Amino acid sequence: MGWKPGGRVSDYVALGSRWLRRRVVRFHRTSCPFFQARAPWRLAPCLCDSRCVKSLLAVLRVGVSDVLFISELTPMDPNVRLTKRDSPEVVDPRLHRRMRSIVGCLSYLVNMTRPDLAFTYSQLSKFFQSPGPVHLAAAERALAYLRGTYNEGITYCDPGEERRNKLTGWVDSDFAADRDTRKSMTGYLFSLNGGAVSWRSSRQGGVTFSSAEAEFVAASQAGQEAVYLRALLRGFNFRQFGATEIWEYNASCIMMSENPAIRSGFGSARDMLTLECIICGSSCVMATSSC
């Protein structure tokens, strides 16, 4: 089905995984917090792949109880930027095989229940074909982080009557983050009833000339995702009333979204398709259709 460097739980519901589809249908039928409660709240369902993570770590020869393997607090070193300059002309077959195994395992976890690894996967997957020792070290660090958080997952809860079944999003961008192409990064996450239901971390399609424009493109991509999620929830009989809030901190992006004269000078027609934002404090409210 063509996955982005990121994932969405809803895709598995609608198109793919029988494993997750059975659980979401069960949540829906038993009125659990993934969508709505028609009975008193007794538990918070959690989507967690701890057994799968343990199995993957075992295959990659990383023991959960291995005292010699130090766990990391973050999946990537914030001071390290991976580039093609670190790729060798001739790739070591053993290093290549190890890198392919790690990235493949991260891909599965990111698409299912680990949005915290989305950025790491998007960075490592760029050097899937020609990895160097620096890239493999970054991948091993991701495993060290995964070792310490193997039992983490997505937990859904009751956010209160006002926020129950209400879709909310957050979006951000990293201007010119890719040192090889100078393209910016897009990152967004949508939550429903206290848990993430859709997320993405990927490189933007074109080069932007300012941080405001990069934020604008990212917000537009998040807006397109909001339209899709609203339609999906409507199919589950959980129609979204009113606009979907997408939190965006960049003031210039919000101003461009409000002023048609300014907005016309940035982005493509695709970027303008769904981005109609209204300022609400520090938030960016998506004025999507309420149909």
C-alpha atoms as a PDB file:
ATOM      1  CA  MET A   1       0.000   0.000   0.000  1.00  0.00           C
ATOM      2  CA  GLY A   2       3.024   2.291  -0.025  1.00  0.00           C
ATOM      3  CA  TRP A   3       3.918   3.431   3.464  1.00  0.00           C
ATOM      4  CA  LYS A   4       5.310   6.843   4.328  1.00  0.00           C
ATOM      5  CA  PRO A   5       8.133   7.152   6.876  1.00  0.00           C
ATOM      6  CA  GLY A   6       5.557   7.224   9.604  1.00  0.00           C
ATOM      7  CA  GLY A   7       2.307   5.398  10.044  1.00  0.00           C
ATOM      8  CA  ARG A   8      -1.323   5.602  10.780  1.00  0.00           C
ATOM      9  CA  VAL A   9      -3.332   3.165  12.807  1.00  0.00           C
ATOM     10  CA  SER A  10      -6.358   3.834  10.610  1.00  0.00           C
ATOM     11  CA  ASP A  11      -4.648   2.389   7.529  1.00  0.00           C
ATOM     12  CA  TYR A  12      -4.350  -0.953   9.260  1.00  0.00           C
ATOM     13  CA  VAL A  13      -8.018  -0.721  10.232  1.00  0.00           C
ATOM     14  CA  ALA A  14      -9.230   0.043   6.718  1.00  0.00           C
ATOM     15  CA  LEU A  15      -6.754  -1.772   4.497  1.00  0.00           C
ATOM     16  CA  GLY A  16      -4.349  -4.068   6.177  1.00  0.00           C
ATOM     17  CA  SER A  17      -3.609  -5.746   9.445  1.00  0.00           C
ATOM     18  CA  ARG A  18      -6.153  -8.301  10.596  1.00  0.00           C
ATOM     19  CA  TRP A  19      -4.446  -8.179  13.992  1.00  0.00           C
ATOM     20  CA  LEU A  20      -5.226  -4.523  14.596  1.00  0.00           C
ATOM     21  CA  ARG A  21      -8.557  -4.536  12.768  1.00  0.00           C
ATOM     22  CA  ARG A  22      -9.908  -7.180  15.156  1.00  0.00           C
ATOM     23  CA  ARG A  23      -8.829  -5.100  18.138  1.00  0.00           C
ATOM     24  CA  VAL A  24     -10.253  -1.827  16.877  1.00  0.00           C
ATOM     25  CA  VAL A  25     -13.546  -3.516  16.020  1.00  0.00           C
ATOM     26  CA  ARG A  26     -13.523  -5.026  19.493  1.00  0.00           C
ATOM     27  CA  PHE A  27     -12.916  -1.566  21.004  1.00  0.00           C
ATOM     28  CA  HIS A  28     -15.805  -0.200  18.970  1.00  0.00           C
ATOM     29  CA  ARG A  29     -18.204  -2.967  19.878  1.00  0.00           C
ATOM     30  CA  THR A  30     -17.372  -2.971  23.578  1.00  0.00           C
ATOM     31  CA  SER A  31     -17.443   0.859  23.780  1.00  0.00           C
ATOM     32  CA  CYS A  32     -13.847   1.224  24.916  1.00  0.00           C
ATOM     33  CA  PRO A  33     -12.081   4.616  24.932  1.00  0.00           C
ATOM     34  CA  PHE A  34     -10.517   4.270  21.477  1.00  0.00           C
ATOM     35  CA  PHE A  35     -13.684   5.884  20.190  1.00  0.00           C
ATOM     36  CA  GLN A  36     -16.461   6.389  22.737  1.00  0.00           C
ATOM     37  CA  ALA A  37     -17.752   5.068  26.032  1.00  0.00           C
ATOM     38  CA  ARG A  38     -21.382   4.205  26.499  1.00  0.00           C
ATOM     39  CA  ALA A  39     -20.593   2.590  29.839  1.00  0.00           C
ATOM     40  CA  PRO A  40     -18.480   3.631  32.855  1.00  0.00           C
ATOM     41  CA  TRP A  41     -14.762   3.898  32.123  1.00  0.00           C
ATOM     42  CA  ARG A  42     -13.062   0.890  33.638  1.00  0.00           C
ATOM     43  CA  LEU A  43      -9.804   0.500  31.743  1.00  0.00           C
ATOM     44  CA  ALA A  44      -7.578   2.292  29.280  1.00  0.00           C
ATOM     45  CA  PRO A  45      -6.786   0.077  26.275  1.00  0.00           C
ATOM     46  CA  CYS A  46      -3.178   0.077  25.168  1.00  0.00           C
ATOM     47  CA  LEU A  47      -1.714  -0.893  21.813  1.00  0.00           C
ATOM     48  CA  CYS A  48       1.656  -2.363  22.750  1.00  0.00           C
ATOM     49  CA  ASP A  49       3.933  -4.747  20.872  1.00  0.00           C
ATOM     50  CA  SER A  50       6.197  -5.708  23.769  1.00  0.00           C
ATOM     51  CA  ARG A  51       6.334  -9.378  22.752  1.00  0.00           C
ATOM     52  CA  CYS A  52       7.073  -8.443  19.173  1.00  0.00           C
ATOM     53  CA  VAL A  53       9.785  -6.004  20.256  1.00  0.00           C
ATOM     54  CA  LYS A  54      11.406  -8.658  22.430  1.00  0.00           C
ATOM     55  CA  SER A  55      11.358 -11.076  19.507  1.00  0.00           C
ATOM     56  CA  LEU A  56      12.871  -8.513  17.155  1.00  0.00           C
ATOM     57  CA  LEU A  57      15.570  -7.619  19.660  1.00  0.00           C
ATOM     58  CA  ALA A  58      16.354 -11.300  20.097  1.00  0.00           C
ATOM     59  CA  VAL A  59      16.692 -11.748  16.338  1.00  0.00           C
ATOM     60  CA  LEU A  60      18.992  -8.720  16.243  1.00  0.00           C
ATOM     61  CA  ARG A  61      20.965 -10.181  19.168  1.00  0.00           C
ATOM     62  CA  VAL A  62      20.034  -7.474  21.654  1.00  0.00           C
ATOM     63  CA  GLY A  63      18.936  -8.999  24.934  1.00  0.00           C
ATOM     64  CA  VAL A  64      16.380  -7.108  27.023  1.00  0.00           C
ATOM     65  CA  SER A  65      18.115  -8.248  30.206  1.00  0.00           C
ATOM     66  CA  ASP A  66      21.664  -7.768  28.880  1.00  0.00           C
ATOM     67  CA  VAL A  67      23.399  -5.603  31.497  1.00  0.00           C
ATOM     68  CA  LEU A  68      26.258  -4.857  29.103  1.00  0.00           C
ATOM     69  CA  PHE A  69      23.923  -3.187  26.618  1.00  0.00           C
ATOM     70  CA  ILE A  70      23.267   0.367  27.805  1.00  0.00           C
ATOM     71  CA  SER A  71      19.829   1.807  27.072  1.00  0.00           C
ATOM     72  CA  GLU A  72      19.588   5.270  25.517  1.00  0.00           C
ATOM     73  CA  LEU A  73      17.176   8.021  26.528  1.00  0.00           C
ATOM     74  CA  THR A  74      16.566   9.164  22.927  1.00  0.00           C
ATOM     75  CA  PRO A  75      16.422   7.108  19.703  1.00  0.00           C
ATOM     76  CA  MET A  76      18.897   9.448  17.955  1.00  0.00           C
ATOM     77  CA  ASP A  77      21.708  11.723  19.062  1.00  0.00           C
ATOM     78  CA  PRO A  78      20.327  15.276  18.682  1.00  0.00           C
ATOM     79  CA  ASN A  79      23.819  16.555  17.839  1.00  0.00           C
ATOM     80  CA  VAL A  80      24.379  14.168  14.919  1.00  0.00           C
ATOM     81  CA  ARG A  81      23.175  14.725  11.333  1.00  0.00           C
ATOM     82  CA  LEU A  82      23.476  11.789   8.960  1.00  0.00           C
ATOM     83  CA  THR A  83      24.725  12.597   5.439  1.00  0.00           C
ATOM     84  CA  LYS A  84      25.710  10.800   2.251  1.00  0.00           C
ATOM     85  CA  ARG A  85      29.297  11.846   2.846  1.00  0.00           C
ATOM     86  CA  ASP A  86      29.454   9.130   5.480  1.00  0.00           C
ATOM     87  CA  SER A  87      28.536   6.451   2.911  1.00  0.00           C
ATOM     88  CA  PRO A  88      31.511   4.425   1.636  1.00  0.00           C
ATOM     89  CA  GLU A  89      32.118   3.717  -2.032  1.00  0.00           C
ATOM     90  CA  VAL A  90      32.122  -0.008  -1.325  1.00  0.00           C
ATOM     91  CA  VAL A  91      29.687  -1.209   1.329  1.00  0.00           C
ATOM     92  CA  ASP A  92      30.683  -3.969   3.724  1.00  0.00           C
ATOM     93  CA  PRO A  93      28.186  -6.835   3.139  1.00  0.00           C
ATOM     94  CA  ARG A  94      27.955  -7.655   6.838  1.00  0.00           C
ATOM     95  CA  LEU A  95      27.316  -4.023   7.751  1.00  0.00           C
ATOM     96  CA  HIS A  96      24.751  -3.769   4.955  1.00  0.00           C
ATOM     97  CA  ARG A  97      22.931  -6.874   6.160  1.00  0.00           C
ATOM     98  CA  ARG A  98      22.860  -5.610   9.744  1.00  0.00           C
ATOM     99  CA  MET A  99      21.542  -2.207   8.648  1.00  0.00           C
ATOM    100  CA  ARG A 100      18.794  -3.749   6.531  1.00  0.00           C
ATOM    101  CA  SER A 101      17.659  -5.909   9.437  1.00  0.00           C
ATOM    102  CA  ILE A 102      17.469  -2.994  11.874  1.00  0.00           C
ATOM    103  CA  VAL A 103      15.685  -0.621   9.498  1.00  0.00           C
ATOM    104  CA  GLY A 104      13.191  -3.320   8.508  1.00  0.00           C
ATOM    105  CA  CYS A 105      12.319  -3.989  12.141  1.00  0.00           C
ATOM    106  CA  LEU A 106      11.954  -0.274  12.872  1.00  0.00           C
ATOM    107  CA  SER A 107       9.650   0.086   9.869  1.00  0.00           C
ATOM    108  CA  TYR A 108       7.209  -2.436  11.302  1.00  0.00           C
ATOM    109  CA  LEU A 109       7.201  -0.866  14.754  1.00  0.00           C
ATOM    110  CA  VAL A 110       6.792   2.692  13.443  1.00  0.00           C
ATOM    111  CA  ASN A 111       3.837   1.696  11.295  1.00  0.00           C
ATOM    112  CA  MET A 112       2.116  -0.031  14.192  1.00  0.00           C
ATOM    113  CA  THR A 113       2.530   1.431  17.676  1.00  0.00           C
ATOM    114  CA  ARG A 114       5.760   3.473  17.976  1.00  0.00           C
ATOM    115  CA  PRO A 115       5.411   7.065  16.716  1.00  0.00           C
ATOM    116  CA  ASP A 116       8.443   7.990  18.839  1.00  0.00           C
ATOM    117  CA  LEU A 117      10.636   6.139  16.329  1.00  0.00           C
ATOM    118  CA  ALA A 118       9.173   7.782  13.209  1.00  0.00           C
ATOM    119  CA  PHE A 119      11.893  10.417  12.830  1.00  0.00           C
ATOM    120  CA  THR A 120      14.655   7.898  13.456  1.00  0.00           C
ATOM    121  CA  TYR A 121      13.263   5.562  10.837  1.00  0.00           C
ATOM    122  CA  SER A 122      12.906   8.377   8.296  1.00  0.00           C
ATOM    123  CA  GLN A 123      16.572   9.288   8.774  1.00  0.00           C
ATOM    124  CA  LEU A 124      17.978   5.761   8.707  1.00  0.00           C
ATOM    125  CA  SER A 125      15.915   4.647   5.718  1.00  0.00           C
ATOM    126  CA  LYS A 126      17.645   7.246   3.508  1.00  0.00           C
ATOM    127  CA  PHE A 127      20.903   5.285   3.822  1.00  0.00           C
ATOM    128  CA  PHE A 128      19.344   1.869   3.444  1.00  0.00           C
ATOM    129  CA  GLN A 129      21.292   1.029   0.275  1.00  0.00           C
ATOM    130  CA  SER A 130      24.716   2.432   1.116  1.00  0.00           C
ATOM    131  CA  PRO A 131      25.190   2.569   4.883  1.00  0.00           C
ATOM    132  CA  GLY A 132      28.464   3.420   6.540  1.00  0.00           C
ATOM    133  CA  PRO A 133      29.770   2.876  10.074  1.00  0.00           C
ATOM    134  CA  VAL A 134      28.229   6.202  11.198  1.00  0.00           C
ATOM    135  CA  HIS A 135      24.805   5.149   9.939  1.00  0.00           C
ATOM    136  CA  LEU A 136      25.080   1.752  11.596  1.00  0.00           C
ATOM    137  CA  ALA A 137      26.068   3.409  14.883  1.00  0.00           C
ATOM    138  CA  ALA A 138      22.901   5.524  14.694  1.00  0.00           C
ATOM    139  CA  ALA A 139      20.850   2.390  14.032  1.00  0.00           C
ATOM    140  CA  GLU A 140      22.442   0.605  16.998  1.00  0.00           C
ATOM    141  CA  ARG A 141      21.568   3.583  19.179  1.00  0.00           C
ATOM    142  CA  ALA A 142      17.921   3.190  18.118  1.00  0.00           C
ATOM    143  CA  LEU A 143      18.096  -0.426  19.275  1.00  0.00           C
ATOM    144  CA  ALA A 144      19.544   0.711  22.603  1.00  0.00           C
ATOM    145  CA  TYR A 145      16.604   3.088  23.006  1.00  0.00           C
ATOM    146  CA  LEU A 146      14.183   0.351  22.010  1.00  0.00           C
ATOM    147  CA  ARG A 147      15.710  -2.005  24.567  1.00  0.00           C
ATOM    148  CA  GLY A 148      14.830   0.402  27.378  1.00  0.00           C
ATOM    149  CA  THR A 149      11.309   1.123  26.080  1.00  0.00           C
ATOM    150  CA  TYR A 150      10.242  -2.257  24.731  1.00  0.00           C
ATOM    151  CA  ASN A 151       7.072  -2.276  26.856  1.00  0.00           C
ATOM    152  CA  GLU A 152       5.882   1.178  25.747  1.00  0.00           C
ATOM    153  CA  GLY A 153       2.828   1.633  23.531  1.00  0.00           C
ATOM    154  CA  ILE A 154      -0.152   3.857  22.763  1.00  0.00           C
ATOM    155  CA  THR A 155      -2.643   4.200  25.598  1.00  0.00           C
ATOM    156  CA  TYR A 156      -6.165   5.561  25.173  1.00  0.00           C
ATOM    157  CA  CYS A 157      -8.114   7.144  28.004  1.00  0.00           C
ATOM    158  CA  ASP A 158     -11.109   9.319  28.772  1.00  0.00           C
ATOM    159  CA  PRO A 159     -10.126  12.963  28.091  1.00  0.00           C
ATOM    160  CA  GLY A 160     -13.382  14.300  29.488  1.00  0.00           C
ATOM    161  CA  GLU A 161     -16.755  14.993  27.975  1.00  0.00           C
ATOM    162  CA  GLU A 162     -15.609  18.082  26.082  1.00  0.00           C
ATOM    163  CA  ARG A 163     -12.652  16.358  24.367  1.00  0.00           C
ATOM    164  CA  ARG A 164     -14.103  12.878  23.962  1.00  0.00           C
ATOM    165  CA  ASN A 165     -13.887  11.596  20.377  1.00  0.00           C
ATOM    166  CA  LYS A 166     -12.463  14.944  19.237  1.00  0.00           C
ATOM    167  CA  LEU A 167      -9.585  14.806  16.791  1.00  0.00           C
ATOM    168  CA  THR A 168      -6.597  17.035  17.606  1.00  0.00           C
ATOM    169  CA  GLY A 169      -3.319  17.488  15.764  1.00  0.00           C
ATOM    170  CA  TRP A 170       0.153  18.934  16.241  1.00  0.00           C
ATOM    171  CA  VAL A 171       2.525  19.871  13.427  1.00  0.00           C
ATOM    172  CA  ASP A 172       6.096  21.125  13.155  1.00  0.00           C
ATOM    173  CA  SER A 173       8.895  21.343  10.617  1.00  0.00           C
ATOM    174  CA  ASP A 174      12.689  21.416  10.666  1.00  0.00           C
ATOM    175  CA  PHE A 175      13.901  23.951   8.116  1.00  0.00           C
ATOM    176  CA  ALA A 176      16.599  22.696   5.691  1.00  0.00           C
ATOM    177  CA  ALA A 177      17.281  19.741   7.964  1.00  0.00           C
ATOM    178  CA  ASP A 178      18.531  17.450   5.198  1.00  0.00           C
ATOM    179  CA  ARG A 179      22.179  18.394   4.638  1.00  0.00           C
ATOM    180  CA  ASP A 180      22.356  16.581   1.298  1.00  0.00           C
ATOM    181  CA  THR A 181      19.321  18.174  -0.385  1.00  0.00           C
ATOM    182  CA  ARG A 182      18.602  21.121   1.970  1.00  0.00           C
ATOM    183  CA  LYS A 183      14.973  20.018   2.116  1.00  0.00           C
ATOM    184  CA  SER A 184      12.947  20.512   5.285  1.00  0.00           C
ATOM    185  CA  MET A 185      11.331  17.882   7.458  1.00  0.00           C
ATOM    186  CA  THR A 186       7.617  17.560   8.200  1.00  0.00           C
ATOM    187  CA  GLY A 187       6.361  16.065  11.410  1.00  0.00           C
ATOM    188  CA  TYR A 188       2.787  15.789  12.626  1.00  0.00           C
ATOM    189  CA  LEU A 189       0.713  13.710  15.006  1.00  0.00           C
ATOM    190  CA  PHE A 190      -3.037  13.364  15.504  1.00  0.00           C
ATOM    191  CA  SER A 191      -4.576  12.059  18.695  1.00  0.00           C
ATOM    192  CA  LEU A 192      -8.013  10.814  19.652  1.00  0.00           C
ATOM    193  CA  ASN A 193      -9.098  10.129  23.226  1.00  0.00           C
ATOM    194  CA  GLY A 194      -5.629  10.564  24.644  1.00  0.00           C
ATOM    195  CA  GLY A 195      -3.742   8.356  22.178  1.00  0.00           C
ATOM    196  CA  ALA A 196      -2.077   8.804  18.810  1.00  0.00           C
ATOM    197  CA  VAL A 197      -3.981   7.566  15.749  1.00  0.00           C
ATOM    198  CA  SER A 198      -1.869   9.021  12.932  1.00  0.00           C
ATOM    199  CA  TRP A 199       1.699  10.293  12.686  1.00  0.00           C
ATOM    200  CA  ARG A 200       4.325  11.167  10.126  1.00  0.00           C
ATOM    201  CA  SER A 201       7.941  12.256   9.966  1.00  0.00           C
ATOM    202  CA  SER A 202       9.337  12.666   6.475  1.00  0.00           C
ATOM    203  CA  ARG A 203      11.296  14.906   4.149  1.00  0.00           C
ATOM    204  CA  GLN A 204       9.304  17.483   2.219  1.00  0.00           C
ATOM    205  CA  GLY A 205       9.010  17.142  -1.536  1.00  0.00           C
ATOM    206  CA  GLY A 206      10.630  20.467  -2.459  1.00  0.00           C
ATOM    207  CA  VAL A 207      13.086  23.027  -1.164  1.00  0.00           C
ATOM    208  CA  THR A 208      11.630  25.884   0.873  1.00  0.00           C
ATOM    209  CA  PHE A 209      13.269  29.292   1.228  1.00  0.00           C
ATOM    210  CA  SER A 210      12.310  30.158   4.804  1.00  0.00           C
ATOM    211  CA  SER A 211      11.278  28.489   8.027  1.00  0.00           C
ATOM    212  CA  ALA A 212       7.815  30.057   7.678  1.00  0.00           C
ATOM    213  CA  GLU A 213       7.329  28.480   4.264  1.00  0.00           C
ATOM    214  CA  ALA A 214       8.516  25.112   5.600  1.00  0.00           C
ATOM    215  CA  GLU A 215       6.005  25.384   8.444  1.00  0.00           C
ATOM    216  CA  PHE A 216       3.310  26.340   5.941  1.00  0.00           C
ATOM    217  CA  VAL A 217       3.957  23.253   3.790  1.00  0.00           C
ATOM    218  CA  ALA A 218       3.993  21.035   6.888  1.00  0.00           C
ATOM    219  CA  ALA A 219       0.707  22.501   8.114  1.00  0.00           C
ATOM    220  CA  SER A 220      -0.834  21.921   4.704  1.00  0.00           C
ATOM    221  CA  GLN A 221       0.220  18.255   4.756  1.00  0.00           C
ATOM    222  CA  ALA A 222      -1.245  17.909   8.243  1.00  0.00           C
ATOM    223  CA  GLY A 223      -4.462  19.522   6.967  1.00  0.00           C
ATOM    224  CA  GLN A 224      -4.764  16.923   4.217  1.00  0.00           C
ATOM    225  CA  GLU A 225      -4.344  14.196   6.813  1.00  0.00           C
ATOM    226  CA  ALA A 226      -7.042  15.826   8.967  1.00  0.00           C
ATOM    227  CA  VAL A 227      -9.497  15.712   6.051  1.00  0.00           C
ATOM    228  CA  TYR A 228      -8.771  12.005   5.592  1.00  0.00           C
ATOM    229  CA  LEU A 229      -9.153  11.200   9.295  1.00  0.00           C
ATOM    230  CA  ARG A 230     -12.424  13.122   9.550  1.00  0.00           C
ATOM    231  CA  ALA A 231     -13.829  11.113   6.657  1.00  0.00           C
ATOM    232  CA  LEU A 232     -12.636   7.870   8.265  1.00  0.00           C
ATOM    233  CA  LEU A 233     -14.204   8.746  11.611  1.00  0.00           C
ATOM    234  CA  ARG A 234     -17.437   9.651   9.851  1.00  0.00           C
ATOM    235  CA  GLY A 235     -17.445   6.142   8.424  1.00  0.00           C
ATOM    236  CA  PHE A 236     -17.186   4.805  11.992  1.00  0.00           C
ATOM    237  CA  ASN A 237     -20.174   6.987  12.916  1.00  0.00           C
ATOM    238  CA  PHE A 238     -18.021   9.419  14.909  1.00  0.00           C
ATOM    239  CA  ARG A 239     -18.591  12.583  12.949  1.00  0.00           C
ATOM    240  CA  GLN A 240     -16.410  15.573  13.848  1.00  0.00           C
ATOM    241  CA  PHE A 241     -18.414  18.723  14.540  1.00  0.00           C
ATOM    242  CA  GLY A 242     -16.626  21.998  14.024  1.00  0.00           C
ATOM    243  CA  ALA A 243     -13.072  22.576  12.896  1.00  0.00           C
ATOM    244  CA  THR A 244     -10.201  20.260  13.767  1.00  0.00           C
ATOM    245  CA  GLU A 245      -7.544  21.978  15.848  1.00  0.00           C
ATOM    246  CA  ILE A 246      -3.974  21.663  14.624  1.00  0.00           C
ATOM    247  CA  TRP A 247      -1.481  23.244  16.991  1.00  0.00           C
ATOM    248  CA  GLU A 248       1.203  25.272  15.223  1.00  0.00           C
ATOM    249  CA  TYR A 249       3.549  27.655  17.026  1.00  0.00           C
ATOM    250  CA  ASN A 250       4.964  29.570  14.036  1.00  0.00           C
ATOM    251  CA  ALA A 251       3.308  33.001  13.913  1.00  0.00           C
ATOM    252  CA  SER A 252       4.325  33.661  10.297  1.00  0.00           C
ATOM    253  CA  CYS A 253       2.710  30.426   9.158  1.00  0.00           C
ATOM    254  CA  ILE A 254      -0.519  31.342  10.912  1.00  0.00           C
ATOM    255  CA  MET A 255      -0.474  34.810   9.377  1.00  0.00           C
ATOM    256  CA  MET A 256       0.043  33.391   5.886  1.00  0.00           C
ATOM    257  CA  SER A 257      -2.836  30.991   6.389  1.00  0.00           C
ATOM    258  CA  GLU A 258      -5.129  33.897   7.333  1.00  0.00           C
ATOM    259  CA  ASN A 259      -4.147  36.315   4.576  1.00  0.00           C
ATOM    260  CA  PRO A 260      -5.015  35.113   1.022  1.00  0.00           C
ATOM    261  CA  ALA A 261      -2.749  37.767  -0.539  1.00  0.00           C
ATOM    262  CA  ILE A 262       0.288  36.477   1.343  1.00  0.00           C
ATOM    263  CA  ARG A 263      -0.675  32.831   0.928  1.00  0.00           C
ATOM    264  CA  SER A 264      -0.880  33.087  -2.869  1.00  0.00           C
ATOM    265  CA  GLY A 265       2.869  33.615  -3.097  1.00  0.00           C
ATOM    266  CA  PHE A 266       3.824  30.354  -1.378  1.00  0.00           C
ATOM    267  CA  GLY A 267       3.378  26.697  -2.078  1.00  0.00           C
ATOM    268  CA  SER A 268       1.608  24.797  -4.822  1.00  0.00           C
ATOM    269  CA  ALA A 269      -2.083  24.333  -5.472  1.00  0.00           C
ATOM    270  CA  ARG A 270      -1.841  21.061  -3.566  1.00  0.00           C
ATOM    271  CA  ASP A 271      -0.490  22.904  -0.532  1.00  0.00           C
ATOM    272  CA  MET A 272      -3.408  25.351  -0.653  1.00  0.00           C
ATOM    273  CA  LEU A 273      -6.081  22.701  -0.977  1.00  0.00           C
ATOM    274  CA  THR A 274      -6.924  22.142   2.673  1.00  0.00           C
ATOM    275  CA  LEU A 275      -5.053  24.806   4.608  1.00  0.00           C
ATOM    276  CA  GLU A 276      -7.557  27.336   5.970  1.00  0.00           C
ATOM    277  CA  CYS A 277      -6.364  28.247   9.445  1.00  0.00           C
ATOM    278  CA  ILE A 278      -7.801  30.540  12.093  1.00  0.00           C
ATOM    279  CA  ILE A 279      -5.755  31.914  14.988  1.00  0.00           C
ATOM    280  CA  CYS A 280      -6.787  30.750  18.428  1.00  0.00           C
ATOM    281  CA  GLY A 281      -4.108  31.818  20.868  1.00  0.00           C
ATOM    282  CA  SER A 282      -1.007  29.795  19.984  1.00  0.00           C
ATOM    283  CA  SER A 283      -3.059  27.193  18.124  1.00  0.00           C
ATOM    284  CA  CYS A 284      -3.835  26.802  14.486  1.00  0.00           C
ATOM    285  CA  VAL A 285      -7.418  25.692  13.920  1.00  0.00           C
ATOM    286  CA  MET A 286      -8.079  23.795  10.702  1.00  0.00           C
ATOM    287  CA  ALA A 287     -11.238  25.071   9.039  1.00  0.00           C
ATOM    288  CA  THR A 288     -12.116  21.765   7.407  1.00  0.00           C
ATOM    289  CA  SER A 289     -15.551  20.849   6.185  1.00  0.00           C
ATOM    290  CA  SER A 290     -17.892  19.591   8.882  1.00  0.00           C
ATOM    291  CA  CYS A 291     -19.686  17.236   6.486  1.00  0.00           C
END
